[in-house]
């Protein structure tokens, strides 16, 4: 699993890092994820014997790392689109020889001048600033927002689906299957899938009139 997650992180970060200047990376990444999905789905059914016992910490760690990919996209996208020599041939400087230093006149100081906010530059720069505020101050801002609007606070939600106990909610087919399976296992293999108490409850319970499983 960790090898697959590392591949996903690599593909995502390379795509978002250079995707603004090379849009072809996005369909390539989509194709890569499609192949990975199909292969893993096939191996899950026909190849893997026993899946490793992973908990949610690995998945949560990957999700936390993926949230910085859009930040890189707008950051490097701004740097690309603000480079006049990259988007057009009107600002090229002549080089005396192949070893001479190339003068791009493209520095971070453009952010503080009008040229750094022209055309497609300002949406990317504003998005970069907003994403940074969310990443570093999102939890604090959410807390202040919930203090102002208490009714919009999202807490633990308890679902009450009005379902009877497990033995009563089994429909006729599942009840028949469970009883026959337990009987076959006990007579053929000498094992017990259910305890004697559970088997008695299964056979004695009446099907509920409400929702069934």
C-alpha atoms as a PDB file:
ATOM      1  CA  UNK A   1       0.000   0.000   0.000  1.00  0.00           C
ATOM      2  CA  UNK A   2       2.747   2.479   0.866  1.00  0.00           C
ATOM      3  CA  UNK A   3       4.356   1.934  -2.554  1.00  0.00           C
ATOM      4  CA  UNK A   4       1.057   2.789  -4.258  1.00  0.00           C
ATOM      5  CA  UNK A   5       0.598   5.896  -2.134  1.00  0.00           C
ATOM      6  CA  UNK A   6       4.128   7.055  -2.932  1.00  0.00           C
ATOM      7  CA  UNK A   7       3.375   6.664  -6.663  1.00  0.00           C
ATOM      8  CA  UNK A   8       0.178   8.684  -6.279  1.00  0.00           C
ATOM      9  CA  UNK A   9       1.989  11.472  -4.427  1.00  0.00           C
ATOM     10  CA  UNK A  10       4.757  11.555  -7.036  1.00  0.00           C
ATOM     11  CA  UNK A  11       2.322  11.759  -9.955  1.00  0.00           C
ATOM     12  CA  UNK A  12       0.176  14.424  -8.285  1.00  0.00           C
ATOM     13  CA  UNK A  13       3.060  16.666  -7.245  1.00  0.00           C
ATOM     14  CA  UNK A  14       4.892  16.473 -10.590  1.00  0.00           C
ATOM     15  CA  UNK A  15       1.644  17.190 -12.432  1.00  0.00           C
ATOM     16  CA  UNK A  16       0.749  20.190 -10.282  1.00  0.00           C
ATOM     17  CA  UNK A  17       4.319  21.450 -10.223  1.00  0.00           C
ATOM     18  CA  UNK A  18       4.746  21.650 -14.003  1.00  0.00           C
ATOM     19  CA  UNK A  19       1.124  21.338 -15.137  1.00  0.00           C
ATOM     20  CA  UNK A  20       0.556  25.032 -15.777  1.00  0.00           C
ATOM     21  CA  UNK A  21       3.332  25.139 -18.350  1.00  0.00           C
ATOM     22  CA  UNK A  22       2.715  21.583 -19.605  1.00  0.00           C
ATOM     23  CA  UNK A  23      -1.077  20.941 -19.530  1.00  0.00           C
ATOM     24  CA  UNK A  24      -0.543  17.562 -21.218  1.00  0.00           C
ATOM     25  CA  UNK A  25       0.545  16.293 -17.791  1.00  0.00           C
ATOM     26  CA  UNK A  26      -3.058  16.327 -16.522  1.00  0.00           C
ATOM     27  CA  UNK A  27      -4.474  13.777 -19.015  1.00  0.00           C
ATOM     28  CA  UNK A  28      -1.309  11.716 -18.558  1.00  0.00           C
ATOM     29  CA  UNK A  29      -1.853  11.745 -14.785  1.00  0.00           C
ATOM     30  CA  UNK A  30      -5.515  10.800 -15.255  1.00  0.00           C
ATOM     31  CA  UNK A  31      -4.481   7.870 -17.460  1.00  0.00           C
ATOM     32  CA  UNK A  32      -1.902   6.802 -14.873  1.00  0.00           C
ATOM     33  CA  UNK A  33      -4.504   6.807 -12.100  1.00  0.00           C
ATOM     34  CA  UNK A  34      -6.939   4.870 -14.303  1.00  0.00           C
ATOM     35  CA  UNK A  35      -4.341   2.176 -14.993  1.00  0.00           C
ATOM     36  CA  UNK A  36      -3.416   2.043 -11.299  1.00  0.00           C
ATOM     37  CA  UNK A  37      -7.075   1.705 -10.328  1.00  0.00           C
ATOM     38  CA  UNK A  38      -7.800  -1.071 -12.823  1.00  0.00           C
ATOM     39  CA  UNK A  39      -4.667  -3.018 -11.929  1.00  0.00           C
ATOM     40  CA  UNK A  40      -5.337  -2.748  -8.189  1.00  0.00           C
ATOM     41  CA  UNK A  41      -8.970  -3.735  -8.658  1.00  0.00           C
ATOM     42  CA  UNK A  42      -7.971  -6.795 -10.685  1.00  0.00           C
ATOM     43  CA  UNK A  43      -5.247  -7.770  -8.205  1.00  0.00           C
ATOM     44  CA  UNK A  44      -7.677  -7.354  -5.310  1.00  0.00           C
ATOM     45  CA  UNK A  45      -9.982  -9.951  -6.833  1.00  0.00           C
ATOM     46  CA  UNK A  46      -7.474 -12.338  -8.396  1.00  0.00           C
ATOM     47  CA  UNK A  47      -4.013 -11.727  -6.950  1.00  0.00           C
ATOM     48  CA  UNK A  48      -3.854 -10.618  -3.330  1.00  0.00           C
ATOM     49  CA  UNK A  49      -4.332 -13.408  -0.805  1.00  0.00           C
ATOM     50  CA  UNK A  50      -4.641 -11.367   2.384  1.00  0.00           C
ATOM     51  CA  UNK A  51      -4.625  -7.557   2.517  1.00  0.00           C
ATOM     52  CA  UNK A  52      -2.233  -5.930   4.998  1.00  0.00           C
ATOM     53  CA  UNK A  53      -3.715  -4.632   8.215  1.00  0.00           C
ATOM     54  CA  UNK A  54      -3.489  -0.882   7.687  1.00  0.00           C
ATOM     55  CA  UNK A  55      -5.489   1.593   9.711  1.00  0.00           C
ATOM     56  CA  UNK A  56      -6.651   5.057   8.663  1.00  0.00           C
ATOM     57  CA  UNK A  57      -3.435   6.856   9.663  1.00  0.00           C
ATOM     58  CA  UNK A  58      -1.634   6.172   6.384  1.00  0.00           C
ATOM     59  CA  UNK A  59      -4.560   7.361   4.258  1.00  0.00           C
ATOM     60  CA  UNK A  60      -5.014  10.451   6.416  1.00  0.00           C
ATOM     61  CA  UNK A  61      -1.317  11.249   6.147  1.00  0.00           C
ATOM     62  CA  UNK A  62      -1.485  11.048   2.343  1.00  0.00           C
ATOM     63  CA  UNK A  63      -4.557  13.308   2.240  1.00  0.00           C
ATOM     64  CA  UNK A  64      -2.784  15.855   4.426  1.00  0.00           C
ATOM     65  CA  UNK A  65       0.187  15.867   2.056  1.00  0.00           C
ATOM     66  CA  UNK A  66      -1.982  16.140  -1.063  1.00  0.00           C
ATOM     67  CA  UNK A  67      -3.516  19.434   0.068  1.00  0.00           C
ATOM     68  CA  UNK A  68      -0.254  21.268  -0.687  1.00  0.00           C
ATOM     69  CA  UNK A  69      -0.288  20.249  -4.383  1.00  0.00           C
ATOM     70  CA  UNK A  70      -2.673  23.087  -5.447  1.00  0.00           C
ATOM     71  CA  UNK A  71      -0.426  25.501  -3.553  1.00  0.00           C
ATOM     72  CA  UNK A  72       2.521  24.465  -5.727  1.00  0.00           C
ATOM     73  CA  UNK A  73       0.354  24.729  -8.850  1.00  0.00           C
ATOM     74  CA  UNK A  74      -0.608  28.357  -8.333  1.00  0.00           C
ATOM     75  CA  UNK A  75       2.885  29.262  -7.069  1.00  0.00           C
ATOM     76  CA  UNK A  76       4.806  27.829 -10.019  1.00  0.00           C
ATOM     77  CA  UNK A  77       1.987  28.787 -12.392  1.00  0.00           C
ATOM     78  CA  UNK A  78       2.378  32.405 -11.331  1.00  0.00           C
ATOM     79  CA  UNK A  79       6.139  32.205 -11.797  1.00  0.00           C
ATOM     80  CA  UNK A  80       5.697  30.800 -15.311  1.00  0.00           C
ATOM     81  CA  UNK A  81       3.022  33.199 -16.499  1.00  0.00           C
ATOM     82  CA  UNK A  82       4.832  36.238 -15.088  1.00  0.00           C
ATOM     83  CA  UNK A  83       7.998  35.358 -17.015  1.00  0.00           C
ATOM     84  CA  UNK A  84       7.699  37.440 -20.160  1.00  0.00           C
ATOM     85  CA  UNK A  85      10.388  35.450 -21.952  1.00  0.00           C
ATOM     86  CA  UNK A  86       8.518  32.218 -21.340  1.00  0.00           C
ATOM     87  CA  UNK A  87       5.151  33.341 -22.724  1.00  0.00           C
ATOM     88  CA  UNK A  88       6.391  35.394 -25.682  1.00  0.00           C
ATOM     89  CA  UNK A  89       9.444  36.098 -27.843  1.00  0.00           C
ATOM     90  CA  UNK A  90       9.165  39.879 -27.506  1.00  0.00           C
ATOM     91  CA  UNK A  91      11.383  40.174 -24.437  1.00  0.00           C
ATOM     92  CA  UNK A  92      14.359  37.999 -25.348  1.00  0.00           C
ATOM     93  CA  UNK A  93      17.845  39.347 -24.746  1.00  0.00           C
ATOM     94  CA  UNK A  94      20.728  38.695 -27.103  1.00  0.00           C
ATOM     95  CA  UNK A  95      23.577  36.519 -25.830  1.00  0.00           C
ATOM     96  CA  UNK A  96      27.125  37.150 -27.020  1.00  0.00           C
ATOM     97  CA  UNK A  97      28.121  33.478 -26.672  1.00  0.00           C
ATOM     98  CA  UNK A  98      26.725  30.186 -25.404  1.00  0.00           C
ATOM     99  CA  UNK A  99      28.414  30.549 -21.993  1.00  0.00           C
ATOM    100  CA  UNK A 100      27.074  34.026 -21.297  1.00  0.00           C
ATOM    101  CA  UNK A 101      24.576  34.514 -18.481  1.00  0.00           C
ATOM    102  CA  UNK A 102      21.005  34.721 -19.725  1.00  0.00           C
ATOM    103  CA  UNK A 103      19.278  37.912 -18.575  1.00  0.00           C
ATOM    104  CA  UNK A 104      15.580  37.275 -17.933  1.00  0.00           C
ATOM    105  CA  UNK A 105      14.684  40.434 -15.951  1.00  0.00           C
ATOM    106  CA  UNK A 106      12.326  38.169 -14.022  1.00  0.00           C
ATOM    107  CA  UNK A 107      12.664  38.479 -10.252  1.00  0.00           C
ATOM    108  CA  UNK A 108      10.512  38.139  -7.167  1.00  0.00           C
ATOM    109  CA  UNK A 109      10.378  41.931  -7.034  1.00  0.00           C
ATOM    110  CA  UNK A 110       7.764  41.791  -9.838  1.00  0.00           C
ATOM    111  CA  UNK A 111       5.180  40.984  -7.146  1.00  0.00           C
ATOM    112  CA  UNK A 112       5.508  44.555  -5.882  1.00  0.00           C
ATOM    113  CA  UNK A 113       5.158  46.132  -9.323  1.00  0.00           C
ATOM    114  CA  UNK A 114       2.337  46.379 -11.812  1.00  0.00           C
ATOM    115  CA  UNK A 115       3.894  43.852 -14.174  1.00  0.00           C
ATOM    116  CA  UNK A 116       3.433  41.145 -11.543  1.00  0.00           C
ATOM    117  CA  UNK A 117      -0.337  41.715 -11.462  1.00  0.00           C
ATOM    118  CA  UNK A 118      -1.094  41.850 -15.176  1.00  0.00           C
ATOM    119  CA  UNK A 119      -3.154  39.401 -17.224  1.00  0.00           C
ATOM    120  CA  UNK A 120      -3.297  35.933 -15.726  1.00  0.00           C
ATOM    121  CA  UNK A 121      -0.857  36.805 -12.957  1.00  0.00           C
ATOM    122  CA  UNK A 122      -3.173  38.326 -10.391  1.00  0.00           C
ATOM    123  CA  UNK A 123      -5.725  35.418 -10.152  1.00  0.00           C
ATOM    124  CA  UNK A 124      -2.898  32.969  -9.469  1.00  0.00           C
ATOM    125  CA  UNK A 125      -1.239  35.286  -6.960  1.00  0.00           C
ATOM    126  CA  UNK A 126      -4.491  35.964  -5.105  1.00  0.00           C
ATOM    127  CA  UNK A 127      -5.275  32.243  -5.026  1.00  0.00           C
ATOM    128  CA  UNK A 128      -1.789  31.561  -3.665  1.00  0.00           C
ATOM    129  CA  UNK A 129      -2.337  34.058  -0.846  1.00  0.00           C
ATOM    130  CA  UNK A 130      -5.786  32.652   0.004  1.00  0.00           C
ATOM    131  CA  UNK A 131      -4.540  29.043   0.060  1.00  0.00           C
ATOM    132  CA  UNK A 132      -1.698  30.032   2.371  1.00  0.00           C
ATOM    133  CA  UNK A 133      -4.117  31.735   4.738  1.00  0.00           C
ATOM    134  CA  UNK A 134      -6.314  28.625   4.756  1.00  0.00           C
ATOM    135  CA  UNK A 135      -3.382  26.263   5.332  1.00  0.00           C
ATOM    136  CA  UNK A 136      -1.851  28.225   8.196  1.00  0.00           C
ATOM    137  CA  UNK A 137      -4.838  29.972   9.745  1.00  0.00           C
ATOM    138  CA  UNK A 138      -7.763  27.809   8.585  1.00  0.00           C
ATOM    139  CA  UNK A 139      -8.397  26.176  11.962  1.00  0.00           C
ATOM    140  CA  UNK A 140      -8.249  29.524  13.773  1.00  0.00           C
ATOM    141  CA  UNK A 141     -10.564  31.186  11.236  1.00  0.00           C
ATOM    142  CA  UNK A 142     -13.008  28.292  11.467  1.00  0.00           C
ATOM    143  CA  UNK A 143     -13.082  28.651  15.249  1.00  0.00           C
ATOM    144  CA  UNK A 144     -13.826  32.386  15.040  1.00  0.00           C
ATOM    145  CA  UNK A 145     -16.508  31.716  12.402  1.00  0.00           C
ATOM    146  CA  UNK A 146     -18.206  29.118  14.602  1.00  0.00           C
ATOM    147  CA  UNK A 147     -18.168  31.543  17.532  1.00  0.00           C
ATOM    148  CA  UNK A 148     -20.049  34.078  15.424  1.00  0.00           C
ATOM    149  CA  UNK A 149     -22.465  31.532  13.920  1.00  0.00           C
ATOM    150  CA  UNK A 150     -23.005  28.852  16.562  1.00  0.00           C
ATOM    151  CA  UNK A 151     -25.812  27.149  14.630  1.00  0.00           C
ATOM    152  CA  UNK A 152     -23.453  26.391  11.717  1.00  0.00           C
ATOM    153  CA  UNK A 153     -20.965  24.481  13.869  1.00  0.00           C
ATOM    154  CA  UNK A 154     -20.481  20.920  12.661  1.00  0.00           C
ATOM    155  CA  UNK A 155     -20.152  18.410  15.489  1.00  0.00           C
ATOM    156  CA  UNK A 156     -20.510  14.702  15.951  1.00  0.00           C
ATOM    157  CA  UNK A 157     -23.661  13.500  14.215  1.00  0.00           C
ATOM    158  CA  UNK A 158     -25.537  10.562  15.690  1.00  0.00           C
ATOM    159  CA  UNK A 159     -27.538   8.649  13.102  1.00  0.00           C
ATOM    160  CA  UNK A 160     -30.752   7.024  14.252  1.00  0.00           C
ATOM    161  CA  UNK A 161     -32.048   4.861  11.426  1.00  0.00           C
ATOM    162  CA  UNK A 162     -34.684   3.185  13.576  1.00  0.00           C
ATOM    163  CA  UNK A 163     -33.325  -0.325  12.925  1.00  0.00           C
ATOM    164  CA  UNK A 164     -34.142  -3.285  15.154  1.00  0.00           C
ATOM    165  CA  UNK A 165     -31.463  -5.623  16.529  1.00  0.00           C
ATOM    166  CA  UNK A 166     -29.400  -7.652  14.069  1.00  0.00           C
ATOM    167  CA  UNK A 167     -31.255 -10.969  14.413  1.00  0.00           C
ATOM    168  CA  UNK A 168     -34.673  -9.378  13.906  1.00  0.00           C
ATOM    169  CA  UNK A 169     -33.625  -7.263  10.920  1.00  0.00           C
ATOM    170  CA  UNK A 170     -32.460 -10.218   8.814  1.00  0.00           C
ATOM    171  CA  UNK A 171     -34.861 -10.828   5.942  1.00  0.00           C
ATOM    172  CA  UNK A 172     -36.174 -14.296   5.140  1.00  0.00           C
ATOM    173  CA  UNK A 173     -33.408 -15.198   2.674  1.00  0.00           C
ATOM    174  CA  UNK A 174     -30.558 -14.065   4.912  1.00  0.00           C
ATOM    175  CA  UNK A 175     -32.097 -15.776   7.945  1.00  0.00           C
ATOM    176  CA  UNK A 176     -32.441 -19.055   6.049  1.00  0.00           C
ATOM    177  CA  UNK A 177     -28.887 -18.728   4.728  1.00  0.00           C
ATOM    178  CA  UNK A 178     -27.419 -18.027   8.192  1.00  0.00           C
ATOM    179  CA  UNK A 179     -29.229 -20.943   9.832  1.00  0.00           C
ATOM    180  CA  UNK A 180     -28.255 -23.372   7.059  1.00  0.00           C
ATOM    181  CA  UNK A 181     -24.647 -22.150   7.042  1.00  0.00           C
ATOM    182  CA  UNK A 182     -24.300 -22.607  10.795  1.00  0.00           C
ATOM    183  CA  UNK A 183     -25.857 -26.067  10.622  1.00  0.00           C
ATOM    184  CA  UNK A 184     -23.570 -27.146   7.770  1.00  0.00           C
ATOM    185  CA  UNK A 185     -20.409 -25.866   9.485  1.00  0.00           C
ATOM    186  CA  UNK A 186     -21.260 -27.617  12.753  1.00  0.00           C
ATOM    187  CA  UNK A 187     -22.167 -30.942  11.137  1.00  0.00           C
ATOM    188  CA  UNK A 188     -19.472 -31.026   8.441  1.00  0.00           C
ATOM    189  CA  UNK A 189     -16.469 -29.305  10.006  1.00  0.00           C
ATOM    190  CA  UNK A 190     -17.281 -29.447  13.678  1.00  0.00           C
ATOM    191  CA  UNK A 191     -16.808 -25.680  13.987  1.00  0.00           C
ATOM    192  CA  UNK A 192     -18.988 -22.882  15.269  1.00  0.00           C
ATOM    193  CA  UNK A 193     -19.485 -19.605  13.465  1.00  0.00           C
ATOM    194  CA  UNK A 194     -21.940 -18.492  16.134  1.00  0.00           C
ATOM    195  CA  UNK A 195     -22.076 -19.212  19.829  1.00  0.00           C
ATOM    196  CA  UNK A 196     -24.939 -21.341  21.103  1.00  0.00           C
ATOM    197  CA  UNK A 197     -26.606 -18.229  22.516  1.00  0.00           C
ATOM    198  CA  UNK A 198     -26.319 -16.401  19.191  1.00  0.00           C
ATOM    199  CA  UNK A 199     -27.711 -19.391  17.304  1.00  0.00           C
ATOM    200  CA  UNK A 200     -30.680 -19.577  19.679  1.00  0.00           C
ATOM    201  CA  UNK A 201     -31.379 -15.868  19.188  1.00  0.00           C
ATOM    202  CA  UNK A 202     -31.123 -16.283  15.414  1.00  0.00           C
ATOM    203  CA  UNK A 203     -33.634 -19.122  15.339  1.00  0.00           C
ATOM    204  CA  UNK A 204     -36.022 -17.561  17.839  1.00  0.00           C
ATOM    205  CA  UNK A 205     -36.111 -13.973  16.519  1.00  0.00           C
ATOM    206  CA  UNK A 206     -39.047 -12.840  14.406  1.00  0.00           C
ATOM    207  CA  UNK A 207     -38.450 -10.648  11.372  1.00  0.00           C
ATOM    208  CA  UNK A 208     -39.045  -7.000  12.156  1.00  0.00           C
ATOM    209  CA  UNK A 209     -41.851  -5.088  10.484  1.00  0.00           C
ATOM    210  CA  UNK A 210     -39.587  -2.133   9.804  1.00  0.00           C
ATOM    211  CA  UNK A 211     -36.324  -1.894   7.892  1.00  0.00           C
ATOM    212  CA  UNK A 212     -34.398  -5.072   7.172  1.00  0.00           C
ATOM    213  CA  UNK A 213     -30.791  -5.739   6.212  1.00  0.00           C
END
